[in-house]
């Protein structure tokens, strides 16, 4: 989605990507809690649990990168607005 937002300069989609990252962060935290609970309940699977935690963290980082791309797209919107001379507020004196 972030790449699509950049390719099409779709500012609304970029906003959705940023909002989706917050959801992904919450899912990451919940998944990590579940993994830790599983590790406590059955220490024999600790190695698998640790590997799964690394996978979760990698997925969360992908979300962070997508969010950063979306933020860049939104910053292009601000530059585009300034360049077009659109009225963005009261005149400065």
PDB file of N, CA and C in Angstrom:
ATOM      1  N   UNK A   1       0.813  -1.194   0.000  1.00  0.00           N
ATOM      2  CA  UNK A   1       0.000   0.000   0.000  1.00  0.00           C
ATOM      3  C   UNK A   1       0.856   1.258   0.000  1.00  0.00           C
ATOM      4  N   UNK A   2       1.934   1.245   0.762  1.00  0.00           N
ATOM      5  CA  UNK A   2       2.789   2.435   0.823  1.00  0.00           C
ATOM      6  C   UNK A   2       3.415   2.712  -0.537  1.00  0.00           C
ATOM      7  N   UNK A   3       3.827   1.656  -1.231  1.00  0.00           N
ATOM      8  CA  UNK A   3       4.407   1.838  -2.561  1.00  0.00           C
ATOM      9  C   UNK A   3       3.358   2.364  -3.536  1.00  0.00           C
ATOM     10  N   UNK A   4       2.135   1.854  -3.431  1.00  0.00           N
ATOM     11  CA  UNK A   4       1.048   2.357  -4.276  1.00  0.00           C
ATOM     12  C   UNK A   4       0.782   3.830  -3.992  1.00  0.00           C
ATOM     13  N   UNK A   5       0.789   4.195  -2.725  1.00  0.00           N
ATOM     14  CA  UNK A   5       0.556   5.596  -2.353  1.00  0.00           C
ATOM     15  C   UNK A   5       1.628   6.490  -2.969  1.00  0.00           C
ATOM     16  N   UNK A   6       2.867   6.042  -2.944  1.00  0.00           N
ATOM     17  CA  UNK A   6       3.946   6.822  -3.533  1.00  0.00           C
ATOM     18  C   UNK A   6       3.872   6.866  -5.048  1.00  0.00           C
ATOM     19  N   UNK A   7       3.547   5.740  -5.638  1.00  0.00           N
ATOM     20  CA  UNK A   7       3.476   5.667  -7.097  1.00  0.00           C
ATOM     21  C   UNK A   7       2.378   6.568  -7.648  1.00  0.00           C
ATOM     22  N   UNK A   8       1.243   6.603  -6.958  1.00  0.00           N
ATOM     23  CA  UNK A   8       0.097   7.390  -7.439  1.00  0.00           C
ATOM     24  C   UNK A   8      -0.021   8.745  -6.752  1.00  0.00           C
ATOM     25  N   UNK A   9       0.921   9.027  -5.824  1.00  0.00           N
ATOM     26  CA  UNK A   9       0.811  10.217  -4.975  1.00  0.00           C
ATOM     27  C   UNK A   9      -0.586  10.300  -4.364  1.00  0.00           C
ATOM     28  N   UNK A  10      -0.998   9.174  -3.803  1.00  0.00           N
ATOM     29  CA  UNK A  10      -2.319   9.044  -3.180  1.00  0.00           C
ATOM     30  C   UNK A  10      -2.172   9.370  -1.691  1.00  0.00           C
ATOM     31  N   UNK A  11      -2.499  10.606  -1.346  1.00  0.00           N
ATOM     32  CA  UNK A  11      -2.294  11.077   0.025  1.00  0.00           C
ATOM     33  C   UNK A  11      -3.255  10.415   1.001  1.00  0.00           C
ATOM     34  N   UNK A  12      -4.452  10.094   0.546  1.00  0.00           N
ATOM     35  CA  UNK A  12      -5.421   9.410   1.410  1.00  0.00           C
ATOM     36  C   UNK A  12      -4.923   8.006   1.752  1.00  0.00           C
ATOM     37  N   UNK A  13      -4.403   7.292   0.754  1.00  0.00           N
ATOM     38  CA  UNK A  13      -3.866   5.955   0.991  1.00  0.00           C
ATOM     39  C   UNK A  13      -2.659   6.022   1.924  1.00  0.00           C
ATOM     40  N   UNK A  14      -1.836   7.041   1.778  1.00  0.00           N
ATOM     41  CA  UNK A  14      -0.685   7.209   2.679  1.00  0.00           C
ATOM     42  C   UNK A  14      -1.159   7.360   4.123  1.00  0.00           C
ATOM     43  N   UNK A  15      -2.233   8.109   4.321  1.00  0.00           N
ATOM     44  CA  UNK A  15      -2.795   8.248   5.667  1.00  0.00           C
ATOM     45  C   UNK A  15      -3.285   6.923   6.215  1.00  0.00           C
ATOM     46  N   UNK A  16      -3.869   6.097   5.342  1.00  0.00           N
ATOM     47  CA  UNK A  16      -4.337   4.777   5.781  1.00  0.00           C
ATOM     48  C   UNK A  16      -3.171   3.878   6.174  1.00  0.00           C
ATOM     49  N   UNK A  17      -2.062   3.991   5.451  1.00  0.00           N
ATOM     50  CA  UNK A  17      -0.877   3.202   5.792  1.00  0.00           C
ATOM     51  C   UNK A  17      -0.377   3.583   7.183  1.00  0.00           C
ATOM     52  N   UNK A  18      -0.344   4.868   7.457  1.00  0.00           N
ATOM     53  CA  UNK A  18       0.122   5.338   8.769  1.00  0.00           C
ATOM     54  C   UNK A  18      -0.811   4.838   9.865  1.00  0.00           C
ATOM     55  N   UNK A  19      -2.105   4.918   9.636  1.00  0.00           N
ATOM     56  CA  UNK A  19      -3.067   4.419  10.628  1.00  0.00           C
ATOM     57  C   UNK A  19      -2.917   2.908  10.802  1.00  0.00           C
ATOM     58  N   UNK A  20      -2.665   2.190   9.711  1.00  0.00           N
ATOM     59  CA  UNK A  20      -2.497   0.746   9.784  1.00  0.00           C
ATOM     60  C   UNK A  20      -1.272   0.346  10.577  1.00  0.00           C
ATOM     61  N   UNK A  21      -0.246   1.193  10.580  1.00  0.00           N
ATOM     62  CA  UNK A  21       0.960   0.881  11.358  1.00  0.00           C
ATOM     63  C   UNK A  21       0.653   0.860  12.847  1.00  0.00           C
ATOM     64  N   UNK A  22      -0.223   1.723  13.282  1.00  0.00           N
ATOM     65  CA  UNK A  22      -0.599   1.722  14.705  1.00  0.00           C
ATOM     66  C   UNK A  22      -1.269   0.396  15.068  1.00  0.00           C
ATOM     67  N   UNK A  23      -2.118  -0.088  14.177  1.00  0.00           N
ATOM     68  CA  UNK A  23      -2.782  -1.377  14.402  1.00  0.00           C
ATOM     69  C   UNK A  23      -1.756  -2.506  14.403  1.00  0.00           C
ATOM     70  N   UNK A  24      -0.816  -2.444  13.475  1.00  0.00           N
ATOM     71  CA  UNK A  24       0.227  -3.460  13.409  1.00  0.00           C
ATOM     72  C   UNK A  24       1.076  -3.465  14.682  1.00  0.00           C
ATOM     73  N   UNK A  25       1.384  -2.299  15.212  1.00  0.00           N
ATOM     74  CA  UNK A  25       2.146  -2.219  16.467  1.00  0.00           C
ATOM     75  C   UNK A  25       1.387  -2.892  17.605  1.00  0.00           C
ATOM     76  N   UNK A  26       0.078  -2.684  17.657  1.00  0.00           N
ATOM     77  CA  UNK A  26      -0.743  -3.312  18.701  1.00  0.00           C
ATOM     78  C   UNK A  26      -0.773  -4.830  18.521  1.00  0.00           C
ATOM     79  N   UNK A  27      -0.871  -5.279  17.278  1.00  0.00           N
ATOM     80  CA  UNK A  27      -0.862  -6.724  16.997  1.00  0.00           C
ATOM     81  C   UNK A  27       0.489  -7.337  17.374  1.00  0.00           C
ATOM     82  N   UNK A  28       1.556  -6.607  17.108  1.00  0.00           N
ATOM     83  CA  UNK A  28       2.895  -7.088  17.471  1.00  0.00           C
ATOM     84  C   UNK A  28       2.991  -7.278  18.984  1.00  0.00           C
ATOM     85  N   UNK A  29       2.549  -6.287  19.728  1.00  0.00           N
ATOM     86  CA  UNK A  29       2.614  -6.374  21.195  1.00  0.00           C
ATOM     87  C   UNK A  29       1.777  -7.542  21.711  1.00  0.00           C
ATOM     88  N   UNK A  30       0.593  -7.715  21.149  1.00  0.00           N
ATOM     89  CA  UNK A  30      -0.278  -8.824  21.585  1.00  0.00           C
ATOM     90  C   UNK A  30       0.357 -10.171  21.231  1.00  0.00           C
ATOM     91  N   UNK A  31       0.936 -10.271  20.034  1.00  0.00           N
ATOM     92  CA  UNK A  31       1.580 -11.517  19.633  1.00  0.00           C
ATOM     93  C   UNK A  31       2.775 -11.849  20.504  1.00  0.00           C
ATOM     94  N   UNK A  32       3.541 -10.837  20.846  1.00  0.00           N
ATOM     95  CA  UNK A  32       4.697 -11.050  21.717  1.00  0.00           C
ATOM     96  C   UNK A  32       4.261 -11.518  23.101  1.00  0.00           C
ATOM     97  N   UNK A  33       3.183 -10.930  23.614  1.00  0.00           N
ATOM     98  CA  UNK A  33       2.651 -11.391  24.913  1.00  0.00           C
ATOM     99  C   UNK A  33       2.234 -12.854  24.843  1.00  0.00           C
ATOM    100  N   UNK A  34       1.566 -13.238  23.746  1.00  0.00           N
ATOM    101  CA  UNK A  34       1.151 -14.641  23.592  1.00  0.00           C
ATOM    102  C   UNK A  34       2.368 -15.565  23.533  1.00  0.00           C
ATOM    103  N   UNK A  35       3.389 -15.145  22.818  1.00  0.00           N
ATOM    104  CA  UNK A  35       4.600 -15.968  22.734  1.00  0.00           C
ATOM    105  C   UNK A  35       5.274 -16.121  24.096  1.00  0.00           C
ATOM    106  N   UNK A  36       5.351 -15.028  24.833  1.00  0.00           N
ATOM    107  CA  UNK A  36       5.976 -15.104  26.162  1.00  0.00           C
ATOM    108  C   UNK A  36       5.173 -15.991  27.102  1.00  0.00           C
ATOM    109  N   UNK A  37       3.870 -15.900  27.021  1.00  0.00           N
ATOM    110  CA  UNK A  37       3.008 -16.766  27.839  1.00  0.00           C
ATOM    111  C   UNK A  37       3.248 -18.226  27.477  1.00  0.00           C
ATOM    112  N   UNK A  38       3.347 -18.500  26.185  1.00  0.00           N
ATOM    113  CA  UNK A  38       3.606 -19.867  25.729  1.00  0.00           C
ATOM    114  C   UNK A  38       4.958 -20.363  26.226  1.00  0.00           C
ATOM    115  N   UNK A  39       5.971 -19.506  26.193  1.00  0.00           N
ATOM    116  CA  UNK A  39       7.311 -19.891  26.648  1.00  0.00           C
ATOM    117  C   UNK A  39       7.314 -20.197  28.141  1.00  0.00           C
ATOM    118  N   UNK A  40       6.544 -19.449  28.898  1.00  0.00           N
ATOM    119  CA  UNK A  40       6.472 -19.683  30.339  1.00  0.00           C
ATOM    120  C   UNK A  40       5.744 -20.988  30.637  1.00  0.00           C
ATOM    121  N   UNK A  41       4.677 -21.238  29.881  1.00  0.00           N
ATOM    122  CA  UNK A  41       3.884 -22.443  30.109  1.00  0.00           C
ATOM    123  C   UNK A  41       4.618 -23.709  29.679  1.00  0.00           C
ATOM    124  N   UNK A  42       5.419 -23.641  28.620  1.00  0.00           N
ATOM    125  CA  UNK A  42       6.132 -24.813  28.113  1.00  0.00           C
ATOM    126  C   UNK A  42       7.548 -24.418  27.690  1.00  0.00           C
ATOM    127  N   UNK A  43       8.491 -24.399  28.634  1.00  0.00           N
ATOM    128  CA  UNK A  43       9.858 -23.971  28.342  1.00  0.00           C
ATOM    129  C   UNK A  43      10.585 -24.847  27.313  1.00  0.00           C
ATOM    130  N   UNK A  44      10.069 -26.044  27.041  1.00  0.00           N
ATOM    131  CA  UNK A  44      10.731 -26.926  26.072  1.00  0.00           C
ATOM    132  C   UNK A  44      10.714 -26.318  24.669  1.00  0.00           C
ATOM    133  N   UNK A  45       9.736 -25.488  24.381  1.00  0.00           N
ATOM    134  CA  UNK A  45       9.641 -24.868  23.064  1.00  0.00           C
ATOM    135  C   UNK A  45      10.231 -23.471  23.017  1.00  0.00           C
ATOM    136  N   UNK A  46      11.115 -23.175  23.963  1.00  0.00           N
ATOM    137  CA  UNK A  46      11.651 -21.817  24.081  1.00  0.00           C
ATOM    138  C   UNK A  46      12.369 -21.362  22.810  1.00  0.00           C
ATOM    139  N   UNK A  47      13.160 -22.255  22.196  1.00  0.00           N
ATOM    140  CA  UNK A  47      13.919 -21.871  21.002  1.00  0.00           C
ATOM    141  C   UNK A  47      12.984 -21.470  19.858  1.00  0.00           C
ATOM    142  N   UNK A  48      11.917 -22.226  19.679  1.00  0.00           N
ATOM    143  CA  UNK A  48      10.944 -21.907  18.636  1.00  0.00           C
ATOM    144  C   UNK A  48      10.254 -20.581  18.952  1.00  0.00           C
ATOM    145  N   UNK A  49       9.974 -20.364  20.220  1.00  0.00           N
ATOM    146  CA  UNK A  49       9.325 -19.125  20.641  1.00  0.00           C
ATOM    147  C   UNK A  49      10.209 -17.923  20.338  1.00  0.00           C
ATOM    148  N   UNK A  50      11.491 -18.051  20.608  1.00  0.00           N
ATOM    149  CA  UNK A  50      12.420 -16.958  20.334  1.00  0.00           C
ATOM    150  C   UNK A  50      12.482 -16.678  18.827  1.00  0.00           C
ATOM    151  N   UNK A  51      12.551 -17.729  18.029  1.00  0.00           N
ATOM    152  CA  UNK A  51      12.568 -17.545  16.574  1.00  0.00           C
ATOM    153  C   UNK A  51      11.283 -16.873  16.089  1.00  0.00           C
ATOM    154  N   UNK A  52      10.152 -17.266  16.648  1.00  0.00           N
ATOM    155  CA  UNK A  52       8.876 -16.649  16.269  1.00  0.00           C
ATOM    156  C   UNK A  52       8.857 -15.176  16.661  1.00  0.00           C
ATOM    157  N   UNK A  53       9.464 -14.845  17.799  1.00  0.00           N
ATOM    158  CA  UNK A  53       9.536 -13.446  18.225  1.00  0.00           C
ATOM    159  C   UNK A  53      10.365 -12.626  17.241  1.00  0.00           C
ATOM    160  N   UNK A  54      11.445 -13.200  16.718  1.00  0.00           N
ATOM    161  CA  UNK A  54      12.251 -12.502  15.710  1.00  0.00           C
ATOM    162  C   UNK A  54      11.453 -12.279  14.425  1.00  0.00           C
ATOM    163  N   UNK A  55      10.659 -13.261  14.046  1.00  0.00           N
ATOM    164  CA  UNK A  55       9.817 -13.115  12.860  1.00  0.00           C
ATOM    165  C   UNK A  55       8.816 -11.984  13.079  1.00  0.00           C
ATOM    166  N   UNK A  56       8.172 -11.970  14.248  1.00  0.00           N
ATOM    167  CA  UNK A  56       7.214 -10.900  14.558  1.00  0.00           C
ATOM    168  C   UNK A  56       7.875  -9.532  14.493  1.00  0.00           C
ATOM    169  N   UNK A  57       9.069  -9.427  15.062  1.00  0.00           N
ATOM    170  CA  UNK A  57       9.772  -8.146  15.056  1.00  0.00           C
ATOM    171  C   UNK A  57      10.110  -7.716  13.632  1.00  0.00           C
ATOM    172  N   UNK A  58      10.508  -8.659  12.798  1.00  0.00           N
ATOM    173  CA  UNK A  58      10.814  -8.327  11.410  1.00  0.00           C
ATOM    174  C   UNK A  58       9.578  -7.810  10.683  1.00  0.00           C
ATOM    175  N   UNK A  59       8.440  -8.453  10.915  1.00  0.00           N
ATOM    176  CA  UNK A  59       7.197  -7.989  10.295  1.00  0.00           C
ATOM    177  C   UNK A  59       6.812  -6.598  10.796  1.00  0.00           C
ATOM    178  N   UNK A  60       7.037  -6.366  12.065  1.00  0.00           N
ATOM    179  CA  UNK A  60       6.722  -5.053  12.637  1.00  0.00           C
ATOM    180  C   UNK A  60       7.614  -3.980  12.015  1.00  0.00           C
ATOM    181  N   UNK A  61       8.875  -4.324  11.770  1.00  0.00           N
ATOM    182  CA  UNK A  61       9.799  -3.371  11.135  1.00  0.00           C
ATOM    183  C   UNK A  61       9.388  -3.065   9.697  1.00  0.00           C
ATOM    184  N   UNK A  62       8.874  -4.069   8.994  1.00  0.00           N
ATOM    185  CA  UNK A  62       8.361  -3.828   7.640  1.00  0.00           C
ATOM    186  C   UNK A  62       7.248  -2.790   7.704  1.00  0.00           C
ATOM    187  N   UNK A  63       6.382  -2.923   8.700  1.00  0.00           N
ATOM    188  CA  UNK A  63       5.315  -1.937   8.889  1.00  0.00           C
ATOM    189  C   UNK A  63       5.865  -0.547   9.159  1.00  0.00           C
ATOM    190  N   UNK A  64       6.933  -0.478   9.949  1.00  0.00           N
ATOM    191  CA  UNK A  64       7.553   0.821  10.232  1.00  0.00           C
ATOM    192  C   UNK A  64       8.127   1.450   8.964  1.00  0.00           C
ATOM    193  N   UNK A  65       8.741   0.627   8.119  1.00  0.00           N
ATOM    194  CA  UNK A  65       9.282   1.151   6.863  1.00  0.00           C
ATOM    195  C   UNK A  65       8.153   1.640   5.955  1.00  0.00           C
ATOM    196  N   UNK A  66       7.061   0.894   5.904  1.00  0.00           N
ATOM    197  CA  UNK A  66       5.913   1.318   5.093  1.00  0.00           C
ATOM    198  C   UNK A  66       5.363   2.644   5.623  1.00  0.00           C
ATOM    199  N   UNK A  67       5.295   2.770   6.940  1.00  0.00           N
ATOM    200  CA  UNK A  67       4.833   4.025   7.544  1.00  0.00           C
ATOM    201  C   UNK A  67       5.752   5.181   7.159  1.00  0.00           C
ATOM    202  N   UNK A  68       7.066   4.941   7.183  1.00  0.00           N
ATOM    203  CA  UNK A  68       8.007   5.998   6.825  1.00  0.00           C
ATOM    204  C   UNK A  68       7.842   6.422   5.365  1.00  0.00           C
ATOM    205  N   UNK A  69       7.631   5.449   4.475  1.00  0.00           N
ATOM    206  CA  UNK A  69       7.373   5.787   3.078  1.00  0.00           C
ATOM    207  C   UNK A  69       6.112   6.638   2.955  1.00  0.00           C
ATOM    208  N   UNK A  70       5.072   6.246   3.679  1.00  0.00           N
ATOM    209  CA  UNK A  70       3.809   6.997   3.635  1.00  0.00           C
ATOM    210  C   UNK A  70       4.001   8.417   4.161  1.00  0.00           C
ATOM    211  N   UNK A  71       4.818   8.569   5.182  1.00  0.00           N
ATOM    212  CA  UNK A  71       5.099   9.915   5.699  1.00  0.00           C
ATOM    213  C   UNK A  71       5.806  10.773   4.646  1.00  0.00           C
ATOM    214  N   UNK A  72       6.702  10.152   3.898  1.00  0.00           N
ATOM    215  CA  UNK A  72       7.375  10.888   2.814  1.00  0.00           C
ATOM    216  C   UNK A  72       6.365  11.329   1.760  1.00  0.00           C
ATOM    217  N   UNK A  73       5.414  10.464   1.445  1.00  0.00           N
ATOM    218  CA  UNK A  73       4.370  10.824   0.477  1.00  0.00           C
ATOM    219  C   UNK A  73       3.585  12.021   0.992  1.00  0.00           C
ATOM    220  N   UNK A  74       3.219  11.983   2.273  1.00  0.00           N
ATOM    221  CA  UNK A  74       2.473  13.111   2.841  1.00  0.00           C
ATOM    222  C   UNK A  74       3.310  14.382   2.865  1.00  0.00           C
ATOM    223  N   UNK A  75       4.621  14.250   3.035  1.00  0.00           N
ATOM    224  CA  UNK A  75       5.461  15.448   3.001  1.00  0.00           C
ATOM    225  C   UNK A  75       5.507  16.028   1.589  1.00  0.00           C
ATOM    226  N   UNK A  76       5.376  15.168   0.583  1.00  0.00           N
ATOM    227  CA  UNK A  76       5.298  15.663  -0.796  1.00  0.00           C
ATOM    228  C   UNK A  76       4.020  16.460  -1.007  1.00  0.00           C
ATOM    229  N   UNK A  77       2.969  16.068  -0.309  1.00  0.00           N
ATOM    230  CA  UNK A  77       1.707  16.817  -0.409  1.00  0.00           C
ATOM    231  C   UNK A  77       1.912  18.234   0.114  1.00  0.00           C
ATOM    232  N   UNK A  78       2.618  18.366   1.224  1.00  0.00           N
ATOM    233  CA  UNK A  78       2.865  19.683   1.804  1.00  0.00           C
ATOM    234  C   UNK A  78       3.704  20.538   0.848  1.00  0.00           C
ATOM    235  N   UNK A  79       4.711  19.948   0.243  1.00  0.00           N
ATOM    236  CA  UNK A  79       5.557  20.675  -0.710  1.00  0.00           C
ATOM    237  C   UNK A  79       4.744  21.069  -1.934  1.00  0.00           C
ATOM    238  N   UNK A  80       3.910  20.156  -2.413  1.00  0.00           N
ATOM    239  CA  UNK A  80       3.066  20.422  -3.576  1.00  0.00           C
ATOM    240  C   UNK A  80       2.097  21.560  -3.287  1.00  0.00           C
ATOM    241  N   UNK A  81       1.539  21.575  -2.089  1.00  0.00           N
ATOM    242  CA  UNK A  81       0.604  22.630  -1.698  1.00  0.00           C
ATOM    243  C   UNK A  81       1.316  23.979  -1.663  1.00  0.00           C
ATOM    244  N   UNK A  82       2.535  24.001  -1.105  1.00  0.00           N
ATOM    245  CA  UNK A  82       3.301  25.252  -1.043  1.00  0.00           C
ATOM    246  C   UNK A  82       3.686  25.723  -2.439  1.00  0.00           C
ATOM    247  N   UNK A  83       4.086  24.795  -3.300  1.00  0.00           N
ATOM    248  CA  UNK A  83       4.530  25.154  -4.646  1.00  0.00           C
ATOM    249  C   UNK A  83       3.389  25.681  -5.515  1.00  0.00           C
ATOM    250  N   UNK A  84       2.183  25.181  -5.244  1.00  0.00           N
ATOM    251  CA  UNK A  84       1.054  25.624  -6.065  1.00  0.00           C
ATOM    252  C   UNK A  84       0.526  26.975  -5.630  1.00  0.00           C
ATOM    253  N   UNK A  85       1.034  27.478  -4.506  1.00  0.00           N
ATOM    254  CA  UNK A  85       0.619  28.784  -4.021  1.00  0.00           C
ATOM    255  C   UNK A  85      -0.749  28.755  -3.358  1.00  0.00           C
ATOM    256  N   UNK A  86      -1.174  27.581  -2.949  1.00  0.00           N
ATOM    257  CA  UNK A  86      -2.475  27.477  -2.280  1.00  0.00           C
ATOM    258  C   UNK A  86      -2.417  28.228  -0.962  1.00  0.00           C
ATOM    259  N   UNK A  87      -3.545  28.811  -0.614  1.00  0.00           N
ATOM    260  CA  UNK A  87      -3.649  29.554   0.644  1.00  0.00           C
ATOM    261  C   UNK A  87      -3.649  28.552   1.779  1.00  0.00           C
ATOM    262  N   UNK A  88      -2.592  28.545   2.585  1.00  0.00           N
ATOM    263  CA  UNK A  88      -2.481  27.586   3.678  1.00  0.00           C
ATOM    264  C   UNK A  88      -2.728  28.212   5.031  1.00  0.00           C
ATOM    265  N   UNK A  89      -3.112  29.458   5.056  1.00  0.00           N
ATOM    266  CA  UNK A  89      -3.379  30.085   6.347  1.00  0.00           C
ATOM    267  C   UNK A  89      -3.202  31.580   6.255  1.00  0.00           C
ATOM    268  N   UNK A  90      -3.222  32.237   7.415  1.00  0.00           N
ATOM    269  CA  UNK A  90      -3.082  33.687   7.428  1.00  0.00           C
ATOM    270  C   UNK A  90      -1.708  34.136   6.922  1.00  0.00           C
ATOM    271  N   UNK A  91      -1.676  35.261   6.276  1.00  0.00           N
ATOM    272  CA  UNK A  91      -0.423  35.812   5.762  1.00  0.00           C
ATOM    273  C   UNK A  91       0.484  36.187   6.915  1.00  0.00           C
ATOM    274  N   UNK A  92       1.785  35.971   6.686  1.00  0.00           N
ATOM    275  CA  UNK A  92       2.777  36.335   7.707  1.00  0.00           C
ATOM    276  C   UNK A  92       3.200  37.755   7.476  1.00  0.00           C
ATOM    277  N   UNK A  93       3.402  38.472   8.584  1.00  0.00           N
ATOM    278  CA  UNK A  93       3.818  39.877   8.432  1.00  0.00           C
ATOM    279  C   UNK A  93       5.240  40.072   8.839  1.00  0.00           C
TER     280      UNK A  93
END
